[in-house]
PDB file of N, CA and C in Angstrom:
ATOM      1  N   MET A   1       0.464  -1.084   0.277  1.00  0.00           N
ATOM      2  CA  MET A   1       0.347  -0.325  -0.067  1.00  0.00           C
ATOM      3  C   MET A   1       0.776   1.386   0.184  1.00  0.00           C
ATOM      4  N   ALA A   2       0.773   2.829  -0.276  1.00  0.00           N
ATOM      5  CA  ALA A   2       0.918   3.750  -0.189  1.00  0.00           C
ATOM      6  C   ALA A   2       1.007   4.553   0.617  1.00  0.00           C
ATOM      7  N   ASN A   3       1.205   5.627   0.323  1.00  0.00           N
ATOM      8  CA  ASN A   3       1.580   6.550   1.875  1.00  0.00           C
ATOM      9  C   ASN A   3       0.490   7.519   1.789  1.00  0.00           C
ATOM     10  N   SER A   4      -0.555   7.796   0.861  1.00  0.00           N
ATOM     11  CA  SER A   4      -1.667   7.871   0.933  1.00  0.00           C
ATOM     12  C   SER A   4      -3.227   7.805   0.694  1.00  0.00           C
ATOM     13  N   GLU A   5      -3.639   7.594   1.770  1.00  0.00           N
ATOM     14  CA  GLU A   5      -5.041   7.087   1.890  1.00  0.00           C
ATOM     15  C   GLU A   5      -5.446   7.394   1.001  1.00  0.00           C
ATOM     16  N   ALA A   6      -6.023   8.183  -0.031  1.00  0.00           N
ATOM     17  CA  ALA A   6      -6.732   8.237  -0.880  1.00  0.00           C
ATOM     18  C   ALA A   6      -6.077   7.611  -2.261  1.00  0.00           C
ATOM     19  N   SER A   7      -5.005   6.869  -2.520  1.00  0.00           N
ATOM     20  CA  SER A   7      -4.129   6.426  -3.201  1.00  0.00           C
ATOM     21  C   SER A   7      -4.424   4.621  -2.539  1.00  0.00           C
ATOM     22  N   ASP A   8      -4.065   4.675  -0.960  1.00  0.00           N
ATOM     23  CA  ASP A   8      -4.898   3.083  -0.853  1.00  0.00           C
ATOM     24  C   ASP A   8      -5.863   3.129  -0.424  1.00  0.00           C
ATOM     25  N   MET A   9      -6.998   3.638  -0.625  1.00  0.00           N
ATOM     26  CA  MET A   9      -8.891   3.511  -0.902  1.00  0.00           C
ATOM     27  C   MET A   9      -8.764   3.404  -2.333  1.00  0.00           C
ATOM     28  N   ILE A  10      -8.719   3.619  -3.163  1.00  0.00           N
ATOM     29  CA  ILE A  10      -8.774   3.027  -4.428  1.00  0.00           C
ATOM     30  C   ILE A  10      -7.978   2.169  -5.178  1.00  0.00           C
ATOM     31  N   GLU A  11      -7.020   2.170  -4.552  1.00  0.00           N
ATOM     32  CA  GLU A  11      -5.991   0.725  -4.475  1.00  0.00           C
ATOM     33  C   GLU A  11      -6.844  -0.141  -4.714  1.00  0.00           C
ATOM     34  N   LYS A  12      -7.191  -0.691  -3.170  1.00  0.00           N
ATOM     35  CA  LYS A  12      -8.408  -1.789  -2.693  1.00  0.00           C
ATOM     36  C   LYS A  12      -9.674  -1.425  -3.839  1.00  0.00           C
ATOM     37  N   ALA A  13      -9.978  -0.378  -4.287  1.00  0.00           N
ATOM     38  CA  ALA A  13     -11.363  -0.563  -4.771  1.00  0.00           C
ATOM     39  C   ALA A  13     -10.642  -1.228  -6.439  1.00  0.00           C
ATOM     40  N   ILE A  14      -9.394  -0.682  -7.290  1.00  0.00           N
ATOM     41  CA  ILE A  14      -8.965  -1.515  -8.078  1.00  0.00           C
ATOM     42  C   ILE A  14      -8.848  -2.599  -7.746  1.00  0.00           C
ATOM     43  N   ASN A  15      -8.405  -3.351  -7.344  1.00  0.00           N
ATOM     44  CA  ASN A  15      -7.404  -4.702  -6.952  1.00  0.00           C
ATOM     45  C   ASN A  15      -9.359  -5.505  -7.096  1.00  0.00           C
ATOM     46  N   LEU A  16     -10.318  -5.180  -6.456  1.00  0.00           N
ATOM     47  CA  LEU A  16     -10.988  -6.011  -6.231  1.00  0.00           C
ATOM     48  C   LEU A  16     -12.343  -5.809  -7.489  1.00  0.00           C
ATOM     49  N   GLY A  17     -12.818  -4.846  -7.732  1.00  0.00           N
ATOM     50  CA  GLY A  17     -12.364  -4.597  -9.392  1.00  0.00           C
ATOM     51  C   GLY A  17     -12.187  -5.608 -10.398  1.00  0.00           C
ATOM     52  N   MET A  18     -10.774  -5.870 -10.695  1.00  0.00           N
ATOM     53  CA  MET A  18      -9.957  -6.302 -11.315  1.00  0.00           C
ATOM     54  C   MET A  18     -10.710  -8.411 -11.129  1.00  0.00           C
ATOM     55  N   LYS A  19     -11.243  -8.297  -9.966  1.00  0.00           N
ATOM     56  CA  LYS A  19     -11.231  -9.758 -10.260  1.00  0.00           C
ATOM     57  C   LYS A  19     -12.543 -10.066 -11.040  1.00  0.00           C
ATOM     58  N   SER A  20     -13.070  -9.052 -11.045  1.00  0.00           N
ATOM     59  CA  SER A  20     -14.296  -9.328 -12.159  1.00  0.00           C
ATOM     60  C   SER A  20     -14.181  -9.433 -13.884  1.00  0.00           C
ATOM     61  N   ASN A  21     -12.465  -8.848 -13.719  1.00  0.00           N
ATOM     62  CA  ASN A  21     -12.454  -8.883 -15.415  1.00  0.00           C
ATOM     63  C   ASN A  21     -11.828  -9.741 -16.110  1.00  0.00           C
ATOM     64  N   LYS A  22     -11.864  -9.745 -17.470  1.00  0.00           N
ATOM     65  CA  LYS A  22     -12.242 -10.789 -18.443  1.00  0.00           C
ATOM     66  C   LYS A  22     -10.401 -11.486 -18.164  1.00  0.00           C
ATOM     67  N   GLY A  23      -9.851 -12.388 -18.151  1.00  0.00           N
ATOM     68  CA  GLY A  23      -8.920 -12.590 -18.178  1.00  0.00           C
ATOM     69  C   GLY A  23      -8.086 -12.635 -16.707  1.00  0.00           C
ATOM     70  N   HIS A  24      -8.643 -12.233 -15.451  1.00  0.00           N
ATOM     71  CA  HIS A  24      -8.259 -11.804 -14.267  1.00  0.00           C
ATOM     72  C   HIS A  24      -7.330 -13.552 -14.253  1.00  0.00           C
ATOM     73  N   ASP A  25      -6.228 -12.973 -13.627  1.00  0.00           N
ATOM     74  CA  ASP A  25      -5.817 -14.229 -12.729  1.00  0.00           C
ATOM     75  C   ASP A  25      -5.287 -13.842 -10.948  1.00  0.00           C
ATOM     76  N   ASP A  26      -5.874 -15.108 -10.527  1.00  0.00           N
ATOM     77  CA  ASP A  26      -5.196 -14.537  -9.120  1.00  0.00           C
ATOM     78  C   ASP A  26      -3.492 -14.416  -8.831  1.00  0.00           C
ATOM     79  N   SER A  27      -3.052 -14.429  -9.618  1.00  0.00           N
ATOM     80  CA  SER A  27      -1.472 -14.068  -9.252  1.00  0.00           C
ATOM     81  C   SER A  27      -1.381 -12.726  -9.861  1.00  0.00           C
ATOM     82  N   ASP A  28      -2.593 -12.371 -10.500  1.00  0.00           N
ATOM     83  CA  ASP A  28      -1.856 -10.388 -11.313  1.00  0.00           C
ATOM     84  C   ASP A  28      -1.951  -9.912 -10.180  1.00  0.00           C
ATOM     85  N   ILE A  29      -0.992  -8.843 -10.095  1.00  0.00           N
ATOM     86  CA  ILE A  29      -0.421  -8.254  -9.432  1.00  0.00           C
ATOM     87  C   ILE A  29      -0.473  -6.215  -9.972  1.00  0.00           C
ATOM     88  N   LEU A  30      -1.119  -5.874  -9.529  1.00  0.00           N
ATOM     89  CA  LEU A  30      -0.974  -4.056  -9.595  1.00  0.00           C
ATOM     90  C   LEU A  30      -0.363  -3.381  -8.982  1.00  0.00           C
ATOM     91  N   VAL A  31       0.967  -2.712 -10.023  1.00  0.00           N
ATOM     92  CA  VAL A  31       1.892  -1.964 -10.090  1.00  0.00           C
ATOM     93  C   VAL A  31       1.192  -0.710  -9.997  1.00  0.00           C
ATOM     94  N   GLU A  32       1.464  -0.233 -10.949  1.00  0.00           N
ATOM     95  CA  GLU A  32       0.729   1.992 -11.486  1.00  0.00           C
ATOM     96  C   GLU A  32      -0.053   1.113 -12.062  1.00  0.00           C
ATOM     97  N   TRP A  33      -1.434   2.827 -11.195  1.00  0.00           N
ATOM     98  CA  TRP A  33      -2.776   2.860 -11.801  1.00  0.00           C
ATOM     99  C   TRP A  33      -2.739   4.501 -12.052  1.00  0.00           C
ATOM    100  N   VAL A  34      -3.054   4.902 -12.641  1.00  0.00           N
ATOM    101  CA  VAL A  34      -4.129   6.395 -13.267  1.00  0.00           C
ATOM    102  C   VAL A  34      -5.863   6.183 -12.957  1.00  0.00           C
ATOM    103  N   VAL A  35      -6.430   7.247 -12.313  1.00  0.00           N
ATOM    104  CA  VAL A  35      -7.440   7.023 -12.208  1.00  0.00           C
ATOM    105  C   VAL A  35      -7.824   8.786 -12.465  1.00  0.00           C
ATOM    106  N   VAL A  36      -8.228   8.601 -13.514  1.00  0.00           N
ATOM    107  CA  VAL A  36      -9.403  10.186 -14.473  1.00  0.00           C
ATOM    108  C   VAL A  36     -11.089  10.316 -13.542  1.00  0.00           C
ATOM    109  N   ALA A  37     -11.202  11.153 -12.737  1.00  0.00           N
ATOM    110  CA  ALA A  37     -12.528  11.092 -12.914  1.00  0.00           C
ATOM    111  C   ALA A  37     -12.989  12.643 -13.494  1.00  0.00           C
ATOM    112  N   TYR A  38     -14.903  12.413 -13.698  1.00  0.00           N
ATOM    113  CA  TYR A  38     -15.043  13.620 -14.081  1.00  0.00           C
ATOM    114  C   TYR A  38     -15.904  14.063 -12.366  1.00  0.00           C
ATOM    115  N   VAL A  39     -15.828  15.034 -12.017  1.00  0.00           N
ATOM    116  CA  VAL A  39     -16.683  15.974 -11.213  1.00  0.00           C
ATOM    117  C   VAL A  39     -17.827  17.557 -11.363  1.00  0.00           C
ATOM    118  N   ALA A  40     -19.058  17.424 -11.588  1.00  0.00           N
ATOM    119  CA  ALA A  40     -19.036  18.336 -11.718  1.00  0.00           C
ATOM    120  C   ALA A  40     -20.120  18.543  -9.635  1.00  0.00           C
ATOM    121  N   ASN A  41     -20.518  20.060 -10.027  1.00  0.00           N
ATOM    122  CA  ASN A  41     -20.689  21.121  -8.709  1.00  0.00           C
ATOM    123  C   ASN A  41     -22.352  21.703  -9.244  1.00  0.00           C
ATOM    124  N   PRO A  42     -23.138  21.575  -8.508  1.00  0.00           N
ATOM    125  CA  PRO A  42     -24.246  22.307  -9.065  1.00  0.00           C
ATOM    126  C   PRO A  42     -24.050  22.920  -8.949  1.00  0.00           C
ATOM    127  N   ASP A  43     -23.566  23.790  -8.062  1.00  0.00           N
ATOM    128  CA  ASP A  43     -23.252  25.565  -7.912  1.00  0.00           C
ATOM    129  C   ASP A  43     -22.322  25.788  -9.844  1.00  0.00           C
ATOM    130  N   ASN A  44     -22.769  26.402  -9.902  1.00  0.00           N
ATOM    131  CA  ASN A  44     -21.946  26.716 -11.432  1.00  0.00           C
ATOM    132  C   ASN A  44     -20.876  27.805 -10.514  1.00  0.00           C
ATOM    133  N   GLU A  45     -20.755  28.498 -10.014  1.00  0.00           N
ATOM    134  CA  GLU A  45     -19.879  28.681 -10.142  1.00  0.00           C
ATOM    135  C   GLU A  45     -18.526  28.851  -9.665  1.00  0.00           C
ATOM    136  N   LYS A  46     -18.720  27.345  -9.476  1.00  0.00           N
ATOM    137  CA  LYS A  46     -17.465  26.537  -8.965  1.00  0.00           C
ATOM    138  C   LYS A  46     -17.324  25.511  -9.742  1.00  0.00           C
ATOM    139  N   GLY A  47     -18.900  25.226 -10.723  1.00  0.00           N
ATOM    140  CA  GLY A  47     -17.370  24.352 -11.689  1.00  0.00           C
ATOM    141  C   GLY A  47     -17.443  23.015 -12.137  1.00  0.00           C
ATOM    142  N   SER A  48     -17.249  22.920 -12.973  1.00  0.00           N
ATOM    143  CA  SER A  48     -16.277  20.954 -12.653  1.00  0.00           C
ATOM    144  C   SER A  48     -15.403  21.028 -12.704  1.00  0.00           C
ATOM    145  N   ALA A  49     -14.626  19.461 -12.363  1.00  0.00           N
ATOM    146  CA  ALA A  49     -13.313  19.327 -12.285  1.00  0.00           C
ATOM    147  C   ALA A  49     -12.533  17.928 -13.406  1.00  0.00           C
ATOM    148  N   TYR A  50     -11.654  17.755 -13.251  1.00  0.00           N
ATOM    149  CA  TYR A  50     -11.320  16.477 -13.716  1.00  0.00           C
ATOM    150  C   TYR A  50     -10.441  15.576 -12.844  1.00  0.00           C
ATOM    151  N   PRO A  51     -10.248  15.562 -11.573  1.00  0.00           N
ATOM    152  CA  PRO A  51      -9.472  15.168 -10.624  1.00  0.00           C
ATOM    153  C   PRO A  51      -8.593  14.175 -11.117  1.00  0.00           C
ATOM    154  N   MET A  52      -7.464  13.316 -11.302  1.00  0.00           N
ATOM    155  CA  MET A  52      -6.887  12.609 -11.433  1.00  0.00           C
ATOM    156  C   MET A  52      -5.398  12.168  -9.999  1.00  0.00           C
ATOM    157  N   PHE A  53      -5.663  10.424  -9.871  1.00  0.00           N
ATOM    158  CA  PHE A  53      -5.601  10.148  -8.822  1.00  0.00           C
ATOM    159  C   PHE A  53      -3.929   9.133  -8.984  1.00  0.00           C
ATOM    160  N   PHE A  54      -3.257   8.682  -8.602  1.00  0.00           N
ATOM    161  CA  PHE A  54      -1.983   8.498  -9.138  1.00  0.00           C
ATOM    162  C   PHE A  54      -1.798   7.296  -8.241  1.00  0.00           C
ATOM    163  N   SER A  55      -1.034   6.022  -8.251  1.00  0.00           N
ATOM    164  CA  SER A  55      -0.854   4.599  -7.345  1.00  0.00           C
ATOM    165  C   SER A  55       0.235   5.829  -6.523  1.00  0.00           C
ATOM    166  N   ASN A  56       0.252   5.146  -4.733  1.00  0.00           N
ATOM    167  CA  ASN A  56       1.292   6.030  -3.880  1.00  0.00           C
ATOM    168  C   ASN A  56       1.204   7.281  -4.450  1.00  0.00           C
ATOM    169  N   GLY A  57      -0.004   8.235  -4.902  1.00  0.00           N
ATOM    170  CA  GLY A  57       0.345   9.199  -4.584  1.00  0.00           C
ATOM    171  C   GLY A  57       1.083  10.493  -6.302  1.00  0.00           C
ATOM    172  N   ASP A  58       2.216   9.317  -6.071  1.00  0.00           N
ATOM    173  CA  ASP A  58       2.279  10.599  -7.367  1.00  0.00           C
ATOM    174  C   ASP A  58       3.533   8.772  -8.077  1.00  0.00           C
ATOM    175  N   ILE A  59       3.509   9.348  -9.200  1.00  0.00           N
ATOM    176  CA  ILE A  59       4.342   8.614 -10.593  1.00  0.00           C
ATOM    177  C   ILE A  59       4.876   9.727 -11.247  1.00  0.00           C
ATOM    178  N   PRO A  60       5.930   8.965 -11.365  1.00  0.00           N
ATOM    179  CA  PRO A  60       7.181   9.003 -12.650  1.00  0.00           C
ATOM    180  C   PRO A  60       5.815  10.187 -13.715  1.00  0.00           C
ATOM    181  N   THR A  61       6.268  11.244 -14.400  1.00  0.00           N
ATOM    182  CA  THR A  61       4.634  11.572 -15.556  1.00  0.00           C
ATOM    183  C   THR A  61       5.328  11.112 -16.758  1.00  0.00           C
ATOM    184  N   TYR A  62       6.563  10.283 -16.692  1.00  0.00           N
ATOM    185  CA  TYR A  62       6.785   9.611 -18.093  1.00  0.00           C
ATOM    186  C   TYR A  62       5.792   8.168 -17.967  1.00  0.00           C
ATOM    187  N   ARG A  63       6.000   7.312 -16.613  1.00  0.00           N
ATOM    188  CA  ARG A  63       4.644   6.868 -16.651  1.00  0.00           C
ATOM    189  C   ARG A  63       3.054   7.111 -16.456  1.00  0.00           C
ATOM    190  N   ALA A  64       2.644   7.935 -15.855  1.00  0.00           N
ATOM    191  CA  ALA A  64       1.366   8.495 -16.541  1.00  0.00           C
ATOM    192  C   ALA A  64       0.907   8.419 -17.601  1.00  0.00           C
ATOM    193  N   ARG A  65       2.025   9.092 -18.377  1.00  0.00           N
ATOM    194  CA  ARG A  65       1.461   9.441 -19.963  1.00  0.00           C
ATOM    195  C   ARG A  65       1.933   7.929 -20.465  1.00  0.00           C
ATOM    196  N   GLY A  66       2.250   7.536 -20.108  1.00  0.00           N
ATOM    197  CA  GLY A  66       2.537   6.202 -20.904  1.00  0.00           C
ATOM    198  C   GLY A  66       0.503   4.880 -20.633  1.00  0.00           C
ATOM    199  N   LEU A  67       0.855   4.954 -19.077  1.00  0.00           N
ATOM    200  CA  LEU A  67      -0.664   4.575 -18.976  1.00  0.00           C
ATOM    201  C   LEU A  67      -2.517   5.368 -19.613  1.00  0.00           C
ATOM    202  N   LEU A  68      -1.499   6.540 -20.269  1.00  0.00           N
ATOM    203  CA  LEU A  68      -3.417   6.908 -20.333  1.00  0.00           C
ATOM    204  C   LEU A  68      -2.986   6.539 -21.703  1.00  0.00           C
ATOM    205  N   THR A  69      -1.752   6.938 -22.127  1.00  0.00           N
ATOM    206  CA  THR A  69      -1.697   6.918 -23.971  1.00  0.00           C
ATOM    207  C   THR A  69      -2.515   5.509 -24.427  1.00  0.00           C
ATOM    208  N   THR A  70      -1.631   4.260 -23.765  1.00  0.00           N
ATOM    209  CA  THR A  70      -2.127   3.191 -23.476  1.00  0.00           C
ATOM    210  C   THR A  70      -3.680   2.774 -23.835  1.00  0.00           C
ATOM    211  N   ALA A  71      -4.731   3.607 -22.548  1.00  0.00           N
ATOM    212  CA  ALA A  71      -5.785   3.431 -22.245  1.00  0.00           C
ATOM    213  C   ALA A  71      -6.752   4.093 -23.208  1.00  0.00           C
ATOM    214  N   LEU A  72      -6.084   5.040 -24.276  1.00  0.00           N
ATOM    215  CA  LEU A  72      -6.403   5.694 -25.346  1.00  0.00           C
ATOM    216  C   LEU A  72      -6.086   5.028 -26.541  1.00  0.00           C
ATOM    217  N   LEU A  73      -5.182   4.379 -26.537  1.00  0.00           N
ATOM    218  CA  LEU A  73      -5.274   3.489 -27.573  1.00  0.00           C
ATOM    219  C   LEU A  73      -6.058   2.368 -27.849  1.00  0.00           C
ATOM    220  N   LYS A  74      -6.183   1.588 -26.403  1.00  0.00           N
ATOM    221  CA  LYS A  74      -7.695   0.736 -25.858  1.00  0.00           C
ATOM    222  C   LYS A  74      -8.518   1.137 -26.388  1.00  0.00           C
ATOM    223  N   LEU A  75      -9.093   2.507 -26.477  1.00  0.00           N
ATOM    224  CA  LEU A  75     -10.315   2.349 -26.774  1.00  0.00           C
ATOM    225  C   LEU A  75     -10.707   2.934 -27.801  1.00  0.00           C
ATOM    226  N   ASN A  76      -9.610   3.067 -28.593  1.00  0.00           N
ATOM    227  CA  ASN A  76      -9.578   2.822 -29.928  1.00  0.00           C
ATOM    228  C   ASN A  76      -9.547   1.600 -31.208  1.00  0.00           C
ATOM    229  N   GLU A  77      -9.661   0.473 -30.404  1.00  0.00           N
ATOM    230  CA  GLU A  77      -9.622  -0.957 -30.691  1.00  0.00           C
ATOM    231  C   GLU A  77     -10.909  -1.091 -31.104  1.00  0.00           C
ATOM    232  N   PRO A  78     -11.031  -2.232 -31.797  1.00  0.00           N
ATOM    233  CA  PRO A  78     -12.692  -2.873 -32.023  1.00  0.00           C
ATOM    234  C   PRO A  78     -12.649  -3.315 -31.299  1.00  0.00           C
ATOM    235  N   SER A  79     -14.342  -3.363 -30.462  1.00  0.00           N
ATOM    236  CA  SER A  79     -14.372  -4.020 -29.669  1.00  0.00           C
ATOM    237  C   SER A  79     -14.386  -5.834 -29.265  1.00  0.00           C
ATOM    238  N   GLN A  80     -14.218  -6.275 -28.539  1.00  0.00           N
ATOM    239  CA  GLN A  80     -14.181  -8.116 -28.886  1.00  0.00           C
ATOM    240  C   GLN A  80     -15.390  -8.742 -27.962  1.00  0.00           C
ATOM    241  N   GLU A  81     -16.276  -7.959 -27.964  1.00  0.00           N
ATOM    242  CA  GLU A  81     -17.370  -8.969 -27.533  1.00  0.00           C
ATOM    243  C   GLU A  81     -18.193  -9.563 -28.465  1.00  0.00           C
TER     244      GLU A  81
END
């Protein structure tokens, strides 16, 4: 676990969710991750935001870019359903 309470909570949720992922193996180990969220506030003056959370609270920029780039590439792949 990390040195960040938010990171610890998110990592627990990812590990739990990954168990339902097709092709998951119990020996899989979550190493690094990035979560991007969209939050809206009904108060128009406060607006909306896209908070990002990183494993251990922070990871090197090149690793975050690699994870996000991979996510974009996977989104563009044809559906395997």
